[in-house]
Amino acid sequence: MEPAEFLTAMDGHRQADPRMAIVLSAIKATVKGGIGKLRERPRGGGWRPGRPWPALQRPTWRPDIRAAVISKARINMHRKMLKTAAATGQYPVAVLSDCAVYPSDGPSPLDFLPHKGGKPLPGGFRIGVSPGMVKHEGTQTTLWAEGVREEHGDDLNLARYIKDGHVTAADNGE
């Protein structure tokens, strides 16, 4: 599917097929929760500092695998940001785990993402659903960003709120 078609399909996928949207959300939650379970912290049950907690006894407690998965994703994202910077001269204005916010002349990521010969920049961000590809998280105006910063301070990470534009709580600028 061409990137423009993909963006159109993703824009209305929840309304077009609500059941499939629920399945998609369940798959995402399962993967995210599975990675989180690899390093579960102690929860209740009378645990005291200095004592082992039950998670240590489970064969699924693998913080090393969790760290490797997260590290690989971060490294790949940084490589793509550097490749994009080399091609466009622009750097993201905000980054948060798997979200990079770039200034653009238009509302679509296609207005910003560099292309070479009609194809996405090799080694850069590519729109799609396969591993390593990215989706459009959201678009906000510069006026929105300045208003948010004016109201909540310069340490606010815009990547945390770009999706729907609502600032739910102040953050520490991570």
C-alpha atoms as a PDB file:
ATOM      1  CA  MET A   1       0.000   0.000   0.000  1.00  0.00           C
ATOM      2  CA  GLU A   2       1.294   3.441  -0.857  1.00  0.00           C
ATOM      3  CA  PRO A   3       2.059   5.710   2.130  1.00  0.00           C
ATOM      4  CA  ALA A   4      -0.776   8.152   1.308  1.00  0.00           C
ATOM      5  CA  GLU A   5      -3.284   5.281   1.093  1.00  0.00           C
ATOM      6  CA  PHE A   6      -1.958   3.837   4.347  1.00  0.00           C
ATOM      7  CA  LEU A   7      -2.369   7.164   6.145  1.00  0.00           C
ATOM      8  CA  THR A   8      -5.956   7.471   4.876  1.00  0.00           C
ATOM      9  CA  ALA A   9      -6.759   3.909   5.980  1.00  0.00           C
ATOM     10  CA  MET A  10      -5.213   4.414   9.415  1.00  0.00           C
ATOM     11  CA  ASP A  11      -6.985   7.733   9.893  1.00  0.00           C
ATOM     12  CA  GLY A  12     -10.427   6.126   9.807  1.00  0.00           C
ATOM     13  CA  HIS A  13      -9.698   2.516  10.774  1.00  0.00           C
ATOM     14  CA  ARG A  14     -11.429   2.724  14.168  1.00  0.00           C
ATOM     15  CA  GLN A  15     -14.674   3.975  12.607  1.00  0.00           C
ATOM     16  CA  ALA A  16     -14.515   1.725   9.538  1.00  0.00           C
ATOM     17  CA  ASP A  17     -14.161  -1.518  11.505  1.00  0.00           C
ATOM     18  CA  PRO A  18     -14.593  -1.085  15.282  1.00  0.00           C
ATOM     19  CA  ARG A  19     -14.135  -4.813  15.942  1.00  0.00           C
ATOM     20  CA  MET A  20     -10.830  -4.915  14.106  1.00  0.00           C
ATOM     21  CA  ALA A  21      -9.744  -1.793  16.025  1.00  0.00           C
ATOM     22  CA  ILE A  22     -10.395  -3.689  19.265  1.00  0.00           C
ATOM     23  CA  VAL A  23      -8.286  -6.612  18.014  1.00  0.00           C
ATOM     24  CA  LEU A  24      -5.489  -4.215  17.042  1.00  0.00           C
ATOM     25  CA  SER A  25      -5.590  -2.593  20.492  1.00  0.00           C
ATOM     26  CA  ALA A  26      -5.514  -6.026  22.149  1.00  0.00           C
ATOM     27  CA  ILE A  27      -2.472  -7.088  20.118  1.00  0.00           C
ATOM     28  CA  LYS A  28      -0.643  -3.863  20.981  1.00  0.00           C
ATOM     29  CA  ALA A  29      -1.506  -4.217  24.686  1.00  0.00           C
ATOM     30  CA  THR A  30      -0.364  -7.849  24.690  1.00  0.00           C
ATOM     31  CA  VAL A  31       3.026  -6.991  23.197  1.00  0.00           C
ATOM     32  CA  LYS A  32       3.499  -3.959  25.434  1.00  0.00           C
ATOM     33  CA  GLY A  33       2.390  -5.886  28.527  1.00  0.00           C
ATOM     34  CA  GLY A  34       4.570  -8.851  27.592  1.00  0.00           C
ATOM     35  CA  ILE A  35       7.657  -6.667  27.371  1.00  0.00           C
ATOM     36  CA  GLY A  36       6.695  -5.071  30.698  1.00  0.00           C
ATOM     37  CA  LYS A  37       6.306  -8.470  32.384  1.00  0.00           C
ATOM     38  CA  LEU A  38       9.911  -9.317  31.544  1.00  0.00           C
ATOM     39  CA  ARG A  39      10.890  -6.953  34.360  1.00  0.00           C
ATOM     40  CA  GLU A  40       8.042  -6.840  36.819  1.00  0.00           C
ATOM     41  CA  ARG A  41       8.621  -4.824  39.960  1.00  0.00           C
ATOM     42  CA  PRO A  42       7.352  -5.952  43.348  1.00  0.00           C
ATOM     43  CA  ARG A  43       3.656  -5.310  43.994  1.00  0.00           C
ATOM     44  CA  GLY A  44       1.988  -5.640  47.370  1.00  0.00           C
ATOM     45  CA  GLY A  45       1.962  -9.047  49.021  1.00  0.00           C
ATOM     46  CA  GLY A  46       3.904  -7.894  52.046  1.00  0.00           C
ATOM     47  CA  TRP A  47       7.175  -7.449  50.210  1.00  0.00           C
ATOM     48  CA  ARG A  48       9.855  -5.567  52.167  1.00  0.00           C
ATOM     49  CA  PRO A  49      12.969  -3.867  50.779  1.00  0.00           C
ATOM     50  CA  GLY A  50      15.973  -6.200  50.791  1.00  0.00           C
ATOM     51  CA  ARG A  51      13.875  -9.343  50.354  1.00  0.00           C
ATOM     52  CA  PRO A  52      13.361 -11.162  47.048  1.00  0.00           C
ATOM     53  CA  TRP A  53       9.930 -10.895  45.493  1.00  0.00           C
ATOM     54  CA  PRO A  54       7.999 -13.678  43.766  1.00  0.00           C
ATOM     55  CA  ALA A  55       8.712 -12.383  40.250  1.00  0.00           C
ATOM     56  CA  LEU A  56      12.351 -13.474  40.659  1.00  0.00           C
ATOM     57  CA  GLN A  57      11.250 -17.108  40.765  1.00  0.00           C
ATOM     58  CA  ARG A  58       9.357 -16.982  37.448  1.00  0.00           C
ATOM     59  CA  PRO A  59      11.155 -18.121  34.292  1.00  0.00           C
ATOM     60  CA  THR A  60       9.571 -15.163  32.453  1.00  0.00           C
ATOM     61  CA  TRP A  61      11.415 -12.628  34.621  1.00  0.00           C
ATOM     62  CA  ARG A  62      14.056 -11.549  32.113  1.00  0.00           C
ATOM     63  CA  PRO A  63      15.005  -7.895  32.501  1.00  0.00           C
ATOM     64  CA  ASP A  64      17.992  -8.519  30.216  1.00  0.00           C
ATOM     65  CA  ILE A  65      15.737  -9.466  27.284  1.00  0.00           C
ATOM     66  CA  ARG A  66      13.451  -6.493  27.990  1.00  0.00           C
ATOM     67  CA  ALA A  67      16.454  -4.143  28.026  1.00  0.00           C
ATOM     68  CA  ALA A  68      17.753  -5.626  24.753  1.00  0.00           C
ATOM     69  CA  VAL A  69      14.377  -5.159  23.009  1.00  0.00           C
ATOM     70  CA  ILE A  70      14.068  -1.550  24.191  1.00  0.00           C
ATOM     71  CA  SER A  71      17.701  -0.794  23.363  1.00  0.00           C
ATOM     72  CA  LYS A  72      17.371  -2.138  19.816  1.00  0.00           C
ATOM     73  CA  ALA A  73      14.254  -0.027  19.214  1.00  0.00           C
ATOM     74  CA  ARG A  74      15.930   3.123  20.572  1.00  0.00           C
ATOM     75  CA  ILE A  75      19.099   2.597  18.550  1.00  0.00           C
ATOM     76  CA  ASN A  76      17.114   2.082  15.354  1.00  0.00           C
ATOM     77  CA  MET A  77      15.062   5.208  16.038  1.00  0.00           C
ATOM     78  CA  HIS A  78      18.217   7.272  16.647  1.00  0.00           C
ATOM     79  CA  ARG A  79      19.742   5.982  13.411  1.00  0.00           C
ATOM     80  CA  LYS A  80      16.613   7.003  11.511  1.00  0.00           C
ATOM     81  CA  MET A  81      16.639  10.451  13.137  1.00  0.00           C
ATOM     82  CA  LEU A  82      20.289  10.935  12.133  1.00  0.00           C
ATOM     83  CA  LYS A  83      19.603   9.753   8.573  1.00  0.00           C
ATOM     84  CA  THR A  84      16.654  12.161   8.376  1.00  0.00           C
ATOM     85  CA  ALA A  85      18.783  15.003   9.750  1.00  0.00           C
ATOM     86  CA  ALA A  86      21.506  14.322   7.186  1.00  0.00           C
ATOM     87  CA  ALA A  87      18.944  14.419   4.358  1.00  0.00           C
ATOM     88  CA  THR A  88      16.825  17.369   5.527  1.00  0.00           C
ATOM     89  CA  GLY A  89      18.946  19.316   8.012  1.00  0.00           C
ATOM     90  CA  GLN A  90      16.093  19.084  10.516  1.00  0.00           C
ATOM     91  CA  TYR A  91      16.084  17.442  13.912  1.00  0.00           C
ATOM     92  CA  PRO A  92      13.066  16.458  16.007  1.00  0.00           C
ATOM     93  CA  VAL A  93      11.739  19.066  18.430  1.00  0.00           C
ATOM     94  CA  ALA A  94      10.620  16.329  20.852  1.00  0.00           C
ATOM     95  CA  VAL A  95      11.301  12.610  21.313  1.00  0.00           C
ATOM     96  CA  LEU A  96       9.633  10.126  23.648  1.00  0.00           C
ATOM     97  CA  SER A  97      10.292   6.363  23.521  1.00  0.00           C
ATOM     98  CA  ASP A  98       8.790   5.567  20.091  1.00  0.00           C
ATOM     99  CA  CYS A  99       7.603   9.026  19.019  1.00  0.00           C
ATOM    100  CA  ALA A 100       9.591  11.770  17.290  1.00  0.00           C
ATOM    101  CA  VAL A 101       8.004  15.171  16.627  1.00  0.00           C
ATOM    102  CA  TYR A 102       9.247  17.154  13.643  1.00  0.00           C
ATOM    103  CA  PRO A 103       8.266  20.604  12.412  1.00  0.00           C
ATOM    104  CA  SER A 104       6.614  20.459   9.001  1.00  0.00           C
ATOM    105  CA  ASP A 105       5.078  22.730   6.395  1.00  0.00           C
ATOM    106  CA  GLY A 106       1.970  20.542   6.207  1.00  0.00           C
ATOM    107  CA  PRO A 107      -0.239  18.321   8.382  1.00  0.00           C
ATOM    108  CA  SER A 108       0.879  14.991   6.899  1.00  0.00           C
ATOM    109  CA  PRO A 109       4.131  13.175   7.636  1.00  0.00           C
ATOM    110  CA  LEU A 110       4.495  12.923   3.858  1.00  0.00           C
ATOM    111  CA  ASP A 111       4.962  16.710   3.846  1.00  0.00           C
ATOM    112  CA  PHE A 112       8.156  16.200   5.821  1.00  0.00           C
ATOM    113  CA  LEU A 113       9.608  12.727   5.279  1.00  0.00           C
ATOM    114  CA  PRO A 114      12.429  12.804   2.727  1.00  0.00           C
ATOM    115  CA  HIS A 115      12.128  10.786  -0.460  1.00  0.00           C
ATOM    116  CA  LYS A 116      14.735   9.749  -2.971  1.00  0.00           C
ATOM    117  CA  GLY A 117      13.520   8.910  -6.464  1.00  0.00           C
ATOM    118  CA  GLY A 118       9.886   8.673  -5.342  1.00  0.00           C
ATOM    119  CA  LYS A 119      10.744   6.176  -2.588  1.00  0.00           C
ATOM    120  CA  PRO A 120      11.330   6.736   1.144  1.00  0.00           C
ATOM    121  CA  LEU A 121      14.875   7.650   2.103  1.00  0.00           C
ATOM    122  CA  PRO A 122      16.856   4.418   2.609  1.00  0.00           C
ATOM    123  CA  GLY A 123      17.502   3.981   6.328  1.00  0.00           C
ATOM    124  CA  GLY A 124      15.014   6.710   7.251  1.00  0.00           C
ATOM    125  CA  PHE A 125      11.482   6.654   8.568  1.00  0.00           C
ATOM    126  CA  ARG A 126       9.019   4.707   6.411  1.00  0.00           C
ATOM    127  CA  ILE A 127       5.233   4.741   6.806  1.00  0.00           C
ATOM    128  CA  GLY A 128       3.668   1.291   7.274  1.00  0.00           C
ATOM    129  CA  VAL A 129       2.783  -1.582   9.616  1.00  0.00           C
ATOM    130  CA  SER A 130       5.763  -3.912   9.260  1.00  0.00           C
ATOM    131  CA  PRO A 131       8.417  -4.006  11.985  1.00  0.00           C
ATOM    132  CA  GLY A 132      10.687  -0.995  11.690  1.00  0.00           C
ATOM    133  CA  MET A 133       8.071   1.116   9.950  1.00  0.00           C
ATOM    134  CA  VAL A 134       6.263   4.020  11.597  1.00  0.00           C
ATOM    135  CA  LYS A 135       2.738   5.326  11.867  1.00  0.00           C
ATOM    136  CA  HIS A 136       1.515   8.890  12.074  1.00  0.00           C
ATOM    137  CA  GLU A 137       0.940   9.620  15.747  1.00  0.00           C
ATOM    138  CA  GLY A 138      -0.625  13.042  15.333  1.00  0.00           C
ATOM    139  CA  THR A 139      -0.321  16.581  14.043  1.00  0.00           C
ATOM    140  CA  GLN A 140      -0.603  19.802  16.002  1.00  0.00           C
ATOM    141  CA  THR A 141       0.081  23.397  15.036  1.00  0.00           C
ATOM    142  CA  THR A 142       2.991  25.507  16.179  1.00  0.00           C
ATOM    143  CA  LEU A 143       0.464  27.724  17.971  1.00  0.00           C
ATOM    144  CA  TRP A 144      -0.703  24.672  19.932  1.00  0.00           C
ATOM    145  CA  ALA A 145       2.909  23.842  20.899  1.00  0.00           C
ATOM    146  CA  GLU A 146       3.659  27.403  21.985  1.00  0.00           C
ATOM    147  CA  GLY A 147       0.414  27.588  23.966  1.00  0.00           C
ATOM    148  CA  VAL A 148       1.207  24.328  25.750  1.00  0.00           C
ATOM    149  CA  ARG A 149       4.717  25.497  26.577  1.00  0.00           C
ATOM    150  CA  GLU A 150       3.446  28.864  27.763  1.00  0.00           C
ATOM    151  CA  GLU A 151       0.885  27.211  30.036  1.00  0.00           C
ATOM    152  CA  HIS A 152       2.968  24.282  31.311  1.00  0.00           C
ATOM    153  CA  GLY A 153       6.593  25.402  30.931  1.00  0.00           C
ATOM    154  CA  ASP A 154       9.492  24.636  28.614  1.00  0.00           C
ATOM    155  CA  ASP A 155      10.241  21.256  30.191  1.00  0.00           C
ATOM    156  CA  LEU A 156       7.027  19.721  28.846  1.00  0.00           C
ATOM    157  CA  ASN A 157       7.711  16.996  26.265  1.00  0.00           C
ATOM    158  CA  LEU A 158       5.466  17.666  23.264  1.00  0.00           C
ATOM    159  CA  ALA A 159       5.840  14.076  22.039  1.00  0.00           C
ATOM    160  CA  ARG A 160       3.783  12.879  25.012  1.00  0.00           C
ATOM    161  CA  TYR A 161       0.747  14.931  23.918  1.00  0.00           C
ATOM    162  CA  ILE A 162       1.016  15.205  20.122  1.00  0.00           C
ATOM    163  CA  LYS A 163      -1.551  12.469  19.502  1.00  0.00           C
ATOM    164  CA  ASP A 164      -4.691  14.269  20.666  1.00  0.00           C
ATOM    165  CA  GLY A 165      -3.283  17.596  21.828  1.00  0.00           C
ATOM    166  CA  HIS A 166      -4.577  17.273  25.397  1.00  0.00           C
ATOM    167  CA  VAL A 167      -2.106  17.779  28.224  1.00  0.00           C
ATOM    168  CA  THR A 168      -3.343  15.459  30.949  1.00  0.00           C
ATOM    169  CA  ALA A 169      -0.659  16.214  33.540  1.00  0.00           C
ATOM    170  CA  ALA A 170       2.605  18.082  33.645  1.00  0.00           C
ATOM    171  CA  ASP A 171       5.687  15.924  33.096  1.00  0.00           C
ATOM    172  CA  ASN A 172       9.349  16.326  33.828  1.00  0.00           C
ATOM    173  CA  GLY A 173      10.366  16.863  30.198  1.00  0.00           C
ATOM    174  CA  GLU A 174      11.684  13.317  29.780  1.00  0.00           C
END
